[in-house]
């Protein structure tokens, strides 16, 4: 299997979403995943309900749901 490094993954994510993440761990709150799903299926993810600055676990879980 082909392995992609963290820096390549971050470069792809930053280019796709026009953001500037410096660590993969910044994706943990689920907001980036919501943006990826919205890019794949436009309008299907209610982006106004996404908590972009989620710090607490229950806020992150809301993003994943």
Protein backbone atom coordinates (compact mmCIF):
# COMPACT_ATOMS: atom_id res chain seq x y z
CA UNK A 1 0.00 0.00 0.00
CA UNK A 2 1.14 3.52 -0.74
CA UNK A 3 1.80 5.62 2.33
CA UNK A 4 1.33 9.37 2.32
CA UNK A 5 3.30 11.46 4.77
CA UNK A 6 1.79 13.94 7.19
CA UNK A 7 3.21 16.91 5.32
CA UNK A 8 1.71 15.74 2.02
CA UNK A 9 -1.64 15.16 3.67
CA UNK A 10 -1.58 18.62 5.24
CA UNK A 11 -0.57 20.24 1.95
CA UNK A 12 -3.50 18.55 0.17
CA UNK A 13 -5.94 19.52 2.93
CA UNK A 14 -4.76 23.13 3.06
CA UNK A 15 -5.01 23.45 -0.72
CA UNK A 16 -8.44 21.83 -0.94
CA UNK A 17 -10.03 23.78 1.90
CA UNK A 18 -8.01 26.99 1.60
CA UNK A 19 -6.95 26.78 5.25
CA UNK A 20 -3.58 26.84 6.97
CA UNK A 21 -3.35 23.87 9.32
CA UNK A 22 0.17 23.16 10.52
CA UNK A 23 -0.51 19.86 12.34
CA UNK A 24 -2.71 16.88 11.56
CA UNK A 25 -4.01 17.08 15.12
CA UNK A 26 -5.86 20.28 14.22
CA UNK A 27 -8.33 18.11 12.28
CA UNK A 28 -9.46 16.42 15.50
CA UNK A 29 -12.45 18.71 16.07
CA UNK A 30 -14.18 17.39 12.94
CA UNK A 31 -14.61 20.73 11.14
CA UNK A 32 -12.16 19.81 8.37
CA UNK A 33 -14.00 16.54 7.76
CA UNK A 34 -17.27 18.45 7.45
CA UNK A 35 -15.65 20.75 4.90
CA UNK A 36 -14.33 17.78 2.90
CA UNK A 37 -17.79 16.19 2.85
CA UNK A 38 -19.28 19.52 1.77
CA UNK A 39 -16.73 19.71 -1.07
CA UNK A 40 -17.71 16.20 -2.22
CA UNK A 41 -21.46 16.61 -1.69
CA UNK A 42 -22.23 20.37 -1.94
CA UNK A 43 -25.12 21.51 0.20
CA UNK A 44 -25.60 18.19 2.01
CA UNK A 45 -23.71 19.21 5.14
CA UNK A 46 -25.30 22.10 7.09
CA UNK A 47 -22.10 24.14 7.40
CA UNK A 48 -23.73 26.79 9.58
CA UNK A 49 -24.09 24.12 12.30
CA UNK A 50 -20.40 23.17 12.24
CA UNK A 51 -18.46 24.35 15.28
CA UNK A 52 -15.10 25.44 13.81
CA UNK A 53 -13.46 26.36 17.11
CA UNK A 54 -14.63 23.30 19.03
CA UNK A 55 -12.47 22.62 22.06
CA UNK A 56 -14.74 20.47 24.21
CA UNK A 57 -15.36 16.83 23.41
CA UNK A 58 -19.15 17.16 23.12
CA UNK A 59 -18.72 19.97 20.55
CA UNK A 60 -16.39 17.78 18.49
CA UNK A 61 -18.88 14.92 18.63
CA UNK A 62 -21.58 17.25 17.25
CA UNK A 63 -19.34 17.97 14.26
CA UNK A 64 -18.85 14.28 13.56
CA UNK A 65 -22.57 13.57 13.78
